[in-house]
C-alpha atoms as a PDB file:
ATOM      1  CA  MET A   1     150.829 153.139 155.329  1.00  0.00           C
ATOM      2  CA  GLU A   2     150.415 149.501 154.354  1.00  0.00           C
ATOM      3  CA  LYS A   3     147.329 148.456 152.474  1.00  0.00           C
ATOM      4  CA  LYS A   4     145.417 145.519 153.960  1.00  0.00           C
ATOM      5  CA  ARG A   5     144.467 142.628 151.761  1.00  0.00           C
ATOM      6  CA  THR A   6     140.892 141.537 152.107  1.00  0.00           C
ATOM      7  CA  ILE A   7     139.585 138.111 151.267  1.00  0.00           C
ATOM      8  CA  PRO A   8     136.610 138.234 148.860  1.00  0.00           C
ATOM      9  CA  TRP A   9     134.361 136.038 151.034  1.00  0.00           C
ATOM     10  CA  LYS A  10     131.291 136.946 149.020  1.00  0.00           C
ATOM     11  CA  ASN A  11     132.828 135.488 145.854  1.00  0.00           C
ATOM     12  CA  ILE A  12     134.194 132.430 147.634  1.00  0.00           C
ATOM     13  CA  PHE A  13     130.818 131.652 149.255  1.00  0.00           C
ATOM     14  CA  GLY A  14     129.081 132.091 145.889  1.00  0.00           C
ATOM     15  CA  VAL A  15     131.412 129.668 144.080  1.00  0.00           C
ATOM     16  CA  VAL A  16     131.236 127.106 146.889  1.00  0.00           C
ATOM     17  CA  GLY A  17     127.422 127.373 146.906  1.00  0.00           C
ATOM     18  CA  ILE A  18     127.241 126.771 143.156  1.00  0.00           C
ATOM     19  CA  LEU A  19     129.571 123.767 143.509  1.00  0.00           C
ATOM     20  CA  PHE A  20     127.287 122.300 146.177  1.00  0.00           C
ATOM     21  CA  PHE A  21     124.290 122.737 143.857  1.00  0.00           C
ATOM     22  CA  VAL A  22     126.190 120.945 141.069  1.00  0.00           C
ATOM     23  CA  MET A  23     126.983 118.171 143.541  1.00  0.00           C
ATOM     24  CA  ALA A  24     123.291 118.022 144.526  1.00  0.00           C
ATOM     25  CA  ALA A  25     122.241 117.624 140.895  1.00  0.00           C
ATOM     26  CA  ALA A  26     124.861 114.912 140.367  1.00  0.00           C
ATOM     27  CA  CYS A  27     123.716 113.059 143.495  1.00  0.00           C
ATOM     28  CA  TYR A  28     120.135 113.061 142.348  1.00  0.00           C
ATOM     29  CA  LEU A  29     120.514 112.529 138.606  1.00  0.00           C
ATOM     30  CA  LEU A  30     123.619 110.367 138.316  1.00  0.00           C
ATOM     31  CA  LEU A  31     124.058 108.589 141.647  1.00  0.00           C
ATOM     32  CA  ASN A  32     120.365 108.144 142.607  1.00  0.00           C
ATOM     33  CA  GLN A  33     121.143 109.417 146.122  1.00  0.00           C
ATOM     34  CA  THR A  34     118.193 111.681 146.876  1.00  0.00           C
ATOM     35  CA  MET A  35     118.987 112.434 150.512  1.00  0.00           C
ATOM     36  CA  LEU A  36     122.614 113.355 149.781  1.00  0.00           C
ATOM     37  CA  GLY A  37     121.339 115.645 147.031  1.00  0.00           C
ATOM     38  CA  VAL A  38     118.948 117.340 149.455  1.00  0.00           C
ATOM     39  CA  ALA A  39     121.735 117.841 151.990  1.00  0.00           C
ATOM     40  CA  ALA A  40     124.083 119.250 149.329  1.00  0.00           C
ATOM     41  CA  ALA A  41     121.357 121.605 148.072  1.00  0.00           C
ATOM     42  CA  LEU A  42     120.782 122.834 151.622  1.00  0.00           C
ATOM     43  CA  VAL A  43     124.460 123.564 152.186  1.00  0.00           C
ATOM     44  CA  GLY A  44     124.680 125.216 148.754  1.00  0.00           C
ATOM     45  CA  ALA A  45     121.662 127.405 149.529  1.00  0.00           C
ATOM     46  CA  MET A  46     123.269 128.446 152.806  1.00  0.00           C
ATOM     47  CA  PHE A  47     126.529 129.451 151.093  1.00  0.00           C
ATOM     48  CA  ILE A  48     124.688 131.353 148.363  1.00  0.00           C
ATOM     49  CA  ASP A  49     122.617 133.096 151.042  1.00  0.00           C
ATOM     50  CA  PHE A  50     125.838 134.153 152.781  1.00  0.00           C
ATOM     51  CA  ALA A  51     127.254 135.357 149.452  1.00  0.00           C
ATOM     52  CA  MET A  52     124.206 137.412 148.506  1.00  0.00           C
ATOM     53  CA  PHE A  53     123.668 139.055 151.876  1.00  0.00           C
ATOM     54  CA  PRO A  54     126.993 139.381 153.733  1.00  0.00           C
ATOM     55  CA  ASP A  55     125.675 141.892 156.286  1.00  0.00           C
ATOM     56  CA  ALA A  56     127.308 141.412 159.696  1.00  0.00           C
ATOM     57  CA  LYS A  57     124.329 142.960 161.528  1.00  0.00           C
ATOM     58  CA  ARG A  58     121.950 140.153 160.580  1.00  0.00           C
ATOM     59  CA  THR A  59     120.849 137.707 163.270  1.00  0.00           C
ATOM     60  CA  THR A  60     121.402 133.971 162.969  1.00  0.00           C
ATOM     61  CA  TRP A  61     117.721 133.451 162.093  1.00  0.00           C
ATOM     62  CA  GLN A  62     117.942 136.035 159.312  1.00  0.00           C
ATOM     63  CA  LYS A  63     121.008 134.255 157.920  1.00  0.00           C
ATOM     64  CA  LEU A  64     119.498 130.770 158.088  1.00  0.00           C
ATOM     65  CA  ARG A  65     115.814 131.313 157.300  1.00  0.00           C
ATOM     66  CA  TRP A  66     116.021 130.928 153.510  1.00  0.00           C
ATOM     67  CA  PRO A  67     118.187 127.796 153.643  1.00  0.00           C
ATOM     68  CA  ALA A  68     115.713 126.379 156.196  1.00  0.00           C
ATOM     69  CA  ILE A  69     112.730 127.175 153.955  1.00  0.00           C
ATOM     70  CA  ILE A  70     114.518 125.681 150.943  1.00  0.00           C
ATOM     71  CA  MET A  71     115.412 122.558 152.953  1.00  0.00           C
ATOM     72  CA  VAL A  72     111.778 121.996 153.989  1.00  0.00           C
ATOM     73  CA  ALA A  73     110.597 122.468 150.397  1.00  0.00           C
ATOM     74  CA  LEU A  74     113.242 120.104 148.993  1.00  0.00           C
ATOM     75  CA  ILE A  75     112.543 117.400 151.550  1.00  0.00           C
ATOM     76  CA  TRP A  76     108.790 117.703 151.008  1.00  0.00           C
ATOM     77  CA  THR A  77     109.028 117.439 147.231  1.00  0.00           C
ATOM     78  CA  GLY A  78     111.811 114.860 147.369  1.00  0.00           C
ATOM     79  CA  PHE A  79     109.820 112.508 149.577  1.00  0.00           C
ATOM     80  CA  ALA A  80     106.570 113.231 147.787  1.00  0.00           C
ATOM     81  CA  SER A  81     107.599 112.760 144.181  1.00  0.00           C
ATOM     82  CA  PHE A  82     111.191 112.678 142.974  1.00  0.00           C
ATOM     83  CA  GLY A  83     112.758 109.501 144.299  1.00  0.00           C
ATOM     84  CA  ARG A  84     109.981 106.954 143.921  1.00  0.00           C
ATOM     85  CA  HIS A  85     111.114 103.382 143.340  1.00  0.00           C
ATOM     86  CA  THR A  86     109.241 100.471 141.754  1.00  0.00           C
ATOM     87  CA  TYR A  87     109.851  96.842 142.738  1.00  0.00           C
ATOM     88  CA  ALA A  88     108.299  93.652 141.354  1.00  0.00           C
ATOM     89  CA  GLY A  89     108.017  90.599 143.551  1.00  0.00           C
ATOM     90  CA  VAL A  90     105.942  88.513 145.933  1.00  0.00           C
ATOM     91  CA  VAL A  91     104.704  89.729 149.324  1.00  0.00           C
ATOM     92  CA  THR A  92     106.063  87.151 151.798  1.00  0.00           C
ATOM     93  CA  LYS A  93     105.273  88.725 155.161  1.00  0.00           C
ATOM     94  CA  VAL A  94     102.977  91.431 156.576  1.00  0.00           C
ATOM     95  CA  THR A  95     103.382  92.384 160.245  1.00  0.00           C
ATOM     96  CA  ARG A  96     101.389  94.891 162.276  1.00  0.00           C
ATOM     97  CA  VAL A  97     103.740  97.044 164.345  1.00  0.00           C
ATOM     98  CA  GLU A  98     102.401  98.955 167.346  1.00  0.00           C
ATOM     99  CA  GLU A  99     103.918 102.392 167.886  1.00  0.00           C
ATOM    100  CA  ARG A 100     104.117 104.299 171.150  1.00  0.00           C
ATOM    101  CA  HIS A 101     102.303 107.472 170.179  1.00  0.00           C
ATOM    102  CA  ASN A 102     101.066 107.179 166.595  1.00  0.00           C
ATOM    103  CA  GLY A 103      99.006 103.988 166.765  1.00  0.00           C
ATOM    104  CA  TYR A 104     100.361 101.365 164.350  1.00  0.00           C
ATOM    105  CA  HIS A 105     101.734 100.641 160.896  1.00  0.00           C
ATOM    106  CA  TYR A 106     102.371  97.513 158.811  1.00  0.00           C
ATOM    107  CA  GLU A 107     105.808  96.213 157.854  1.00  0.00           C
ATOM    108  CA  VAL A 108     105.798  94.422 154.511  1.00  0.00           C
ATOM    109  CA  THR A 109     108.499  92.059 153.250  1.00  0.00           C
ATOM    110  CA  LEU A 110     108.789  91.755 149.459  1.00  0.00           C
ATOM    111  CA  GLN A 111     110.838  88.987 147.825  1.00  0.00           C
ATOM    112  CA  SER A 112     112.178  90.008 144.421  1.00  0.00           C
ATOM    113  CA  GLY A 113     114.391  87.261 143.037  1.00  0.00           C
ATOM    114  CA  LYS A 114     117.233  86.845 145.530  1.00  0.00           C
ATOM    115  CA  ASP A 115     116.668  90.282 147.095  1.00  0.00           C
ATOM    116  CA  THR A 116     114.414  90.910 150.085  1.00  0.00           C
ATOM    117  CA  TYR A 117     113.038  94.389 150.802  1.00  0.00           C
ATOM    118  CA  GLN A 118     111.383  95.764 153.940  1.00  0.00           C
ATOM    119  CA  PHE A 119     108.692  98.379 153.356  1.00  0.00           C
ATOM    120  CA  GLU A 120     106.220 100.223 155.522  1.00  0.00           C
ATOM    121  CA  ASP A 121     102.489 100.524 154.900  1.00  0.00           C
ATOM    122  CA  SER A 122     101.401 103.503 156.962  1.00  0.00           C
ATOM    123  CA  VAL A 123      99.568 106.777 156.709  1.00  0.00           C
ATOM    124  CA  ASN A 124     102.214 109.329 155.783  1.00  0.00           C
ATOM    125  CA  MET A 125     101.116 112.812 154.742  1.00  0.00           C
ATOM    126  CA  LEU A 126     104.711 113.763 153.867  1.00  0.00           C
ATOM    127  CA  VAL A 127     104.668 111.409 150.866  1.00  0.00           C
ATOM    128  CA  GLY A 128     101.025 112.055 150.033  1.00  0.00           C
ATOM    129  CA  LYS A 129      99.487 108.879 151.492  1.00  0.00           C
ATOM    130  CA  SER A 130      96.366 109.092 153.636  1.00  0.00           C
ATOM    131  CA  HIS A 131      95.262 105.435 153.974  1.00  0.00           C
ATOM    132  CA  TYR A 132      96.536 101.890 154.547  1.00  0.00           C
ATOM    133  CA  LEU A 133      96.718  99.423 151.653  1.00  0.00           C
ATOM    134  CA  HIS A 134      95.981  96.363 153.859  1.00  0.00           C
ATOM    135  CA  LEU A 135      98.300  93.993 151.990  1.00  0.00           C
ATOM    136  CA  HIS A 136      98.202  90.201 152.436  1.00  0.00           C
ATOM    137  CA  VAL A 137     100.722  87.422 151.841  1.00  0.00           C
ATOM    138  CA  SER A 138     100.144  85.755 148.475  1.00  0.00           C
ATOM    139  CA  ASP A 139     102.001  84.004 145.653  1.00  0.00           C
ATOM    140  CA  LYS A 140     100.786  86.589 143.167  1.00  0.00           C
ATOM    141  CA  ARG A 141     103.533  88.779 141.700  1.00  0.00           C
ATOM    142  CA  VAL A 142     102.901  92.480 142.356  1.00  0.00           C
ATOM    143  CA  LYS A 143     104.490  95.817 141.414  1.00  0.00           C
ATOM    144  CA  VAL A 144     105.120  98.011 144.442  1.00  0.00           C
ATOM    145  CA  THR A 145     105.762 101.756 144.114  1.00  0.00           C
ATOM    146  CA  THR A 146     107.463 103.286 147.150  1.00  0.00           C
ATOM    147  CA  SER A 147     108.493 106.702 148.433  1.00  0.00           C
ATOM    148  CA  GLY A 148     111.853 108.285 147.764  1.00  0.00           C
ATOM    149  CA  VAL A 149     113.832 106.912 150.691  1.00  0.00           C
ATOM    150  CA  LEU A 150     116.886 104.849 149.786  1.00  0.00           C
ATOM    151  CA  PRO A 151     116.334 101.057 149.625  1.00  0.00           C
ATOM    152  CA  ASN A 152     117.089  99.090 152.830  1.00  0.00           C
ATOM    153  CA  ASN A 153     117.689 102.249 154.845  1.00  0.00           C
ATOM    154  CA  PRO A 154     118.149 101.172 158.495  1.00  0.00           C
ATOM    155  CA  VAL A 155     116.736 104.454 159.863  1.00  0.00           C
ATOM    156  CA  ILE A 156     113.707 105.237 157.682  1.00  0.00           C
ATOM    157  CA  GLN A 157     111.847 102.544 155.761  1.00  0.00           C
ATOM    158  CA  GLN A 158     110.323 103.186 152.368  1.00  0.00           C
ATOM    159  CA  ASN A 159     106.596 103.816 152.512  1.00  0.00           C
ATOM    160  CA  ILE A 160     104.460 101.874 150.024  1.00  0.00           C
ATOM    161  CA  LEU A 161     102.394 104.226 147.907  1.00  0.00           C
ATOM    162  CA  SER A 162     100.659 101.805 145.536  1.00  0.00           C
ATOM    163  CA  VAL A 163     100.493  98.124 144.617  1.00  0.00           C
ATOM    164  CA  LYS A 164      99.459  96.797 141.196  1.00  0.00           C
END
């Protein structure tokens, strides 16, 4: 009788999960790419979850619940604190933007040397902001602290947290 070779999936998933967590740390600490780090941490958590509990009788929800909980926690803390950016410049434009369902927000253009940045001044509980700053165009140089979204992201704009 021939002996079957089995692939040690538990070990493979564990190593791959650890590698994804190393990649997540490198994305955040070295490359300043918060969202890629969050995605890598999520995938790493999923692989480690598969490695720790390789039971075939588990449902899909049981397999994915801890990676989902970890993803929500990482996104919450990542947006709320880790990736904040500070810019110094002059506010050149403030525009009120009407939204379909949520009311409105303000788009703010900041000129910093040769670079121009688009920010959003809105109420955003995800990043810990509960009021508008009501910014105005002026020649005064200001320091703007924003949320952890990448600069000039075409999908999600950075939310202004404070102006000094």
